[in-house]
Amino acid sequence: MVGVVETNMGLGSVSSGGVLYAEVCAALYESQQRPLVVSFMAGMGGEAIVMKEFYWMTQKMTEAQKQGKIEKRTHWVGFEE
C-alpha cells in the first residue's frame, strides 16, 4: 500500500489530484505485485498538514488494505469526513 501526499494539483491528471500520484503509479507499473496507490491532496495553498490529518490518511489506507481495494484514487484532506 502506497499513500502519496500531494501539495500541488495536476490539472488534467488521471487521478483528478496531484502530479506525483501519476509518477508513482508509472514507476510501479511493471512491479510483480503492484501495490494499491492512493493520493491525498493536503496542505493546499501552503497550509500546514496537521497530525490529525495524517491520522485520517492512515485510517483511509488501513481501510483500503483490509478491503484489498481503494475507495477512490484521490482524497481531499480536510474536505472529506
N, C-alpha and C. Protein backbone atom coordinates (compact mmCIF):
# COMPACT_ATOMS: atom_id res chain seq x y z
N MET A 1 0.85 -1.17 0.00
CA MET A 1 0.00 0.00 0.00
C MET A 1 0.90 1.23 0.00
N VAL A 2 0.61 2.16 -0.90
CA VAL A 2 1.39 3.39 -1.01
C VAL A 2 0.44 4.58 -0.92
N GLY A 3 0.74 5.50 -0.03
CA GLY A 3 -0.01 6.75 0.08
C GLY A 3 0.87 7.89 -0.38
N VAL A 4 0.36 8.67 -1.32
CA VAL A 4 1.11 9.81 -1.85
C VAL A 4 0.47 11.09 -1.33
N VAL A 5 1.22 11.86 -0.55
CA VAL A 5 0.72 13.12 -0.03
C VAL A 5 1.11 14.21 -1.02
N GLU A 6 0.10 14.84 -1.59
CA GLU A 6 0.30 15.86 -2.62
C GLU A 6 0.05 17.25 -2.04
N THR A 7 0.85 18.21 -2.46
CA THR A 7 0.61 19.58 -2.05
C THR A 7 0.37 20.49 -3.24
N ASN A 8 0.33 19.89 -4.43
CA ASN A 8 0.03 20.68 -5.63
C ASN A 8 -0.91 19.88 -6.53
N MET A 9 -1.68 20.57 -7.31
CA MET A 9 -2.69 19.92 -8.15
C MET A 9 -2.19 19.83 -9.58
N GLY A 10 -2.43 18.67 -10.21
CA GLY A 10 -2.07 18.48 -11.60
C GLY A 10 -3.32 18.52 -12.46
N LEU A 11 -3.60 19.64 -13.05
CA LEU A 11 -4.80 19.76 -13.87
C LEU A 11 -4.75 18.79 -15.03
N GLY A 12 -5.86 18.11 -15.25
CA GLY A 12 -5.93 17.13 -16.33
C GLY A 12 -5.37 15.78 -15.96
N SER A 13 -4.98 15.61 -14.72
CA SER A 13 -4.41 14.35 -14.27
C SER A 13 -5.47 13.27 -14.23
N VAL A 14 -5.05 12.05 -14.49
CA VAL A 14 -5.96 10.91 -14.46
C VAL A 14 -6.58 10.72 -13.08
N SER A 15 -5.91 11.16 -12.05
CA SER A 15 -6.39 10.96 -10.69
C SER A 15 -7.26 12.11 -10.19
N SER A 16 -7.36 13.19 -10.96
CA SER A 16 -8.02 14.41 -10.50
C SER A 16 -7.36 14.92 -9.24
N GLY A 17 -6.08 14.72 -9.17
CA GLY A 17 -5.31 15.13 -8.00
C GLY A 17 -3.96 15.68 -8.41
N GLY A 18 -2.93 15.25 -7.70
CA GLY A 18 -1.60 15.78 -7.93
C GLY A 18 -0.80 15.01 -8.97
N VAL A 19 0.30 15.62 -9.39
CA VAL A 19 1.15 15.04 -10.42
C VAL A 19 2.01 13.90 -9.91
N LEU A 20 2.34 13.91 -8.63
CA LEU A 20 3.21 12.87 -8.08
C LEU A 20 2.53 11.50 -8.10
N TYR A 21 1.22 11.46 -7.93
CA TYR A 21 0.46 10.20 -7.97
C TYR A 21 0.69 9.48 -9.29
N ALA A 22 0.57 10.19 -10.40
CA ALA A 22 0.76 9.58 -11.72
C ALA A 22 2.18 9.06 -11.89
N GLU A 23 3.15 9.79 -11.36
CA GLU A 23 4.54 9.36 -11.46
C GLU A 23 4.80 8.10 -10.63
N VAL A 24 4.22 8.05 -9.44
CA VAL A 24 4.39 6.86 -8.59
C VAL A 24 3.75 5.65 -9.26
N CYS A 25 2.54 5.82 -9.79
CA CYS A 25 1.86 4.72 -10.49
C CYS A 25 2.67 4.23 -11.68
N ALA A 26 3.24 5.15 -12.44
CA ALA A 26 4.06 4.77 -13.59
C ALA A 26 5.31 4.01 -13.15
N ALA A 27 5.91 4.46 -12.07
CA ALA A 27 7.12 3.79 -11.58
C ALA A 27 6.83 2.37 -11.09
N LEU A 28 5.63 2.14 -10.56
CA LEU A 28 5.27 0.84 -10.01
C LEU A 28 4.57 -0.07 -11.02
N TYR A 29 4.32 0.42 -12.21
CA TYR A 29 3.51 -0.30 -13.20
C TYR A 29 4.03 -1.71 -13.50
N GLU A 30 5.32 -1.85 -13.64
CA GLU A 30 5.89 -3.15 -14.02
C GLU A 30 6.24 -4.04 -12.82
N SER A 31 5.86 -3.62 -11.63
CA SER A 31 6.12 -4.43 -10.44
C SER A 31 5.37 -5.75 -10.51
N GLN A 32 5.99 -6.81 -10.03
CA GLN A 32 5.35 -8.12 -10.00
C GLN A 32 4.06 -8.07 -9.20
N GLN A 33 4.12 -7.50 -8.03
CA GLN A 33 2.94 -7.36 -7.18
C GLN A 33 2.67 -5.87 -6.99
N ARG A 34 1.91 -5.31 -7.89
CA ARG A 34 1.64 -3.88 -7.89
C ARG A 34 0.84 -3.49 -6.64
N PRO A 35 1.36 -2.58 -5.83
CA PRO A 35 0.64 -2.18 -4.61
C PRO A 35 -0.53 -1.25 -4.93
N LEU A 36 -1.46 -1.16 -4.00
CA LEU A 36 -2.52 -0.17 -4.10
C LEU A 36 -1.89 1.20 -3.87
N VAL A 37 -2.32 2.19 -4.64
CA VAL A 37 -1.78 3.54 -4.52
C VAL A 37 -2.94 4.52 -4.37
N VAL A 38 -2.87 5.39 -3.40
CA VAL A 38 -3.90 6.39 -3.18
C VAL A 38 -3.25 7.75 -2.99
N SER A 39 -3.89 8.77 -3.52
CA SER A 39 -3.38 10.13 -3.45
C SER A 39 -4.16 10.93 -2.42
N PHE A 40 -3.44 11.71 -1.63
CA PHE A 40 -4.05 12.58 -0.64
C PHE A 40 -3.66 14.02 -0.95
N MET A 41 -4.64 14.83 -1.31
CA MET A 41 -4.39 16.25 -1.56
C MET A 41 -4.45 16.95 -0.20
N ALA A 42 -3.31 17.48 0.24
CA ALA A 42 -3.23 18.09 1.57
C ALA A 42 -2.26 19.27 1.53
N GLY A 43 -2.42 20.16 2.49
CA GLY A 43 -1.50 21.30 2.56
C GLY A 43 -1.64 22.25 1.40
N MET A 44 -2.83 22.31 0.84
CA MET A 44 -3.05 23.19 -0.33
C MET A 44 -2.89 24.65 0.07
N GLY A 45 -2.32 25.42 -0.80
CA GLY A 45 -2.12 26.84 -0.55
C GLY A 45 -1.09 27.12 0.53
N GLY A 46 -0.20 26.15 0.77
CA GLY A 46 0.84 26.35 1.76
C GLY A 46 0.42 26.09 3.20
N GLU A 47 -0.79 25.57 3.39
CA GLU A 47 -1.26 25.26 4.74
C GLU A 47 -0.44 24.11 5.33
N ALA A 48 -0.28 24.14 6.63
CA ALA A 48 0.42 23.05 7.32
C ALA A 48 -0.49 21.82 7.36
N ILE A 49 0.11 20.66 7.25
CA ILE A 49 -0.62 19.41 7.39
C ILE A 49 -0.48 18.98 8.84
N VAL A 50 -1.59 18.99 9.55
CA VAL A 50 -1.55 18.72 10.99
C VAL A 50 -1.63 17.22 11.25
N MET A 51 -1.21 16.83 12.45
CA MET A 51 -1.14 15.41 12.82
C MET A 51 -2.49 14.71 12.65
N LYS A 52 -3.58 15.40 12.99
CA LYS A 52 -4.92 14.83 12.86
C LYS A 52 -5.18 14.38 11.41
N GLU A 53 -4.69 15.15 10.46
CA GLU A 53 -4.88 14.80 9.04
C GLU A 53 -4.03 13.59 8.65
N PHE A 54 -2.83 13.47 9.20
CA PHE A 54 -2.03 12.28 8.94
C PHE A 54 -2.69 11.03 9.50
N TYR A 55 -3.31 11.14 10.69
CA TYR A 55 -4.05 10.01 11.25
C TYR A 55 -5.21 9.63 10.33
N TRP A 56 -5.91 10.63 9.80
CA TRP A 56 -7.04 10.38 8.89
C TRP A 56 -6.55 9.65 7.63
N MET A 57 -5.44 10.10 7.07
CA MET A 57 -4.89 9.45 5.87
C MET A 57 -4.49 8.01 6.18
N THR A 58 -3.90 7.79 7.34
CA THR A 58 -3.52 6.44 7.74
C THR A 58 -4.74 5.55 7.88
N GLN A 59 -5.82 6.10 8.42
CA GLN A 59 -7.07 5.34 8.56
C GLN A 59 -7.60 4.94 7.18
N LYS A 60 -7.58 5.84 6.22
CA LYS A 60 -8.05 5.55 4.86
C LYS A 60 -7.20 4.45 4.23
N MET A 61 -5.89 4.50 4.45
CA MET A 61 -5.01 3.48 3.89
C MET A 61 -5.24 2.13 4.55
N THR A 62 -5.45 2.12 5.87
CA THR A 62 -5.71 0.88 6.59
C THR A 62 -7.00 0.23 6.10
N GLU A 63 -8.05 1.03 5.89
CA GLU A 63 -9.32 0.52 5.37
C GLU A 63 -9.13 -0.09 3.98
N ALA A 64 -8.39 0.59 3.12
CA ALA A 64 -8.15 0.09 1.77
C ALA A 64 -7.37 -1.22 1.80
N GLN A 65 -6.39 -1.29 2.68
CA GLN A 65 -5.58 -2.51 2.80
C GLN A 65 -6.45 -3.68 3.22
N LYS A 66 -7.34 -3.47 4.19
CA LYS A 66 -8.23 -4.52 4.66
C LYS A 66 -9.19 -4.99 3.56
N GLN A 67 -9.70 -4.04 2.75
CA GLN A 67 -10.65 -4.36 1.69
C GLN A 67 -9.97 -4.89 0.44
N GLY A 68 -8.69 -4.62 0.30
CA GLY A 68 -7.96 -5.04 -0.89
C GLY A 68 -8.23 -4.17 -2.10
N LYS A 69 -8.84 -3.00 -1.87
CA LYS A 69 -9.11 -2.05 -2.95
C LYS A 69 -9.24 -0.65 -2.35
N ILE A 70 -9.04 0.35 -3.19
CA ILE A 70 -9.15 1.72 -2.72
C ILE A 70 -10.58 2.22 -2.93
N GLU A 71 -11.01 3.08 -2.03
CA GLU A 71 -12.34 3.68 -2.12
C GLU A 71 -12.42 4.61 -3.33
N LYS A 72 -11.41 5.45 -3.49
CA LYS A 72 -11.27 6.33 -4.65
C LYS A 72 -9.81 6.74 -4.77
N ARG A 73 -9.40 7.15 -5.95
CA ARG A 73 -7.98 7.43 -6.20
C ARG A 73 -7.45 8.60 -5.39
N THR A 74 -8.26 9.65 -5.26
CA THR A 74 -7.78 10.86 -4.62
C THR A 74 -8.72 11.29 -3.50
N HIS A 75 -8.13 11.57 -2.34
CA HIS A 75 -8.88 12.10 -1.21
C HIS A 75 -8.42 13.54 -0.98
N TRP A 76 -9.38 14.42 -0.71
CA TRP A 76 -9.07 15.81 -0.40
C TRP A 76 -9.09 15.97 1.12
N VAL A 77 -7.90 16.01 1.69
CA VAL A 77 -7.73 16.04 3.13
C VAL A 77 -8.27 17.37 3.69
N GLY A 78 -9.10 17.23 4.73
CA GLY A 78 -9.70 18.42 5.35
C GLY A 78 -11.03 18.80 4.74
N PHE A 79 -11.38 18.17 3.61
CA PHE A 79 -12.65 18.47 2.94
C PHE A 79 -13.59 17.28 2.93
N GLU A 80 -13.11 16.14 3.41
CA GLU A 80 -13.93 14.93 3.47
C GLU A 80 -14.09 14.53 4.93
N GLU A 81 -15.13 13.82 5.21
CA GLU A 81 -15.36 13.31 6.57
C GLU A 81 -14.92 11.88 6.65
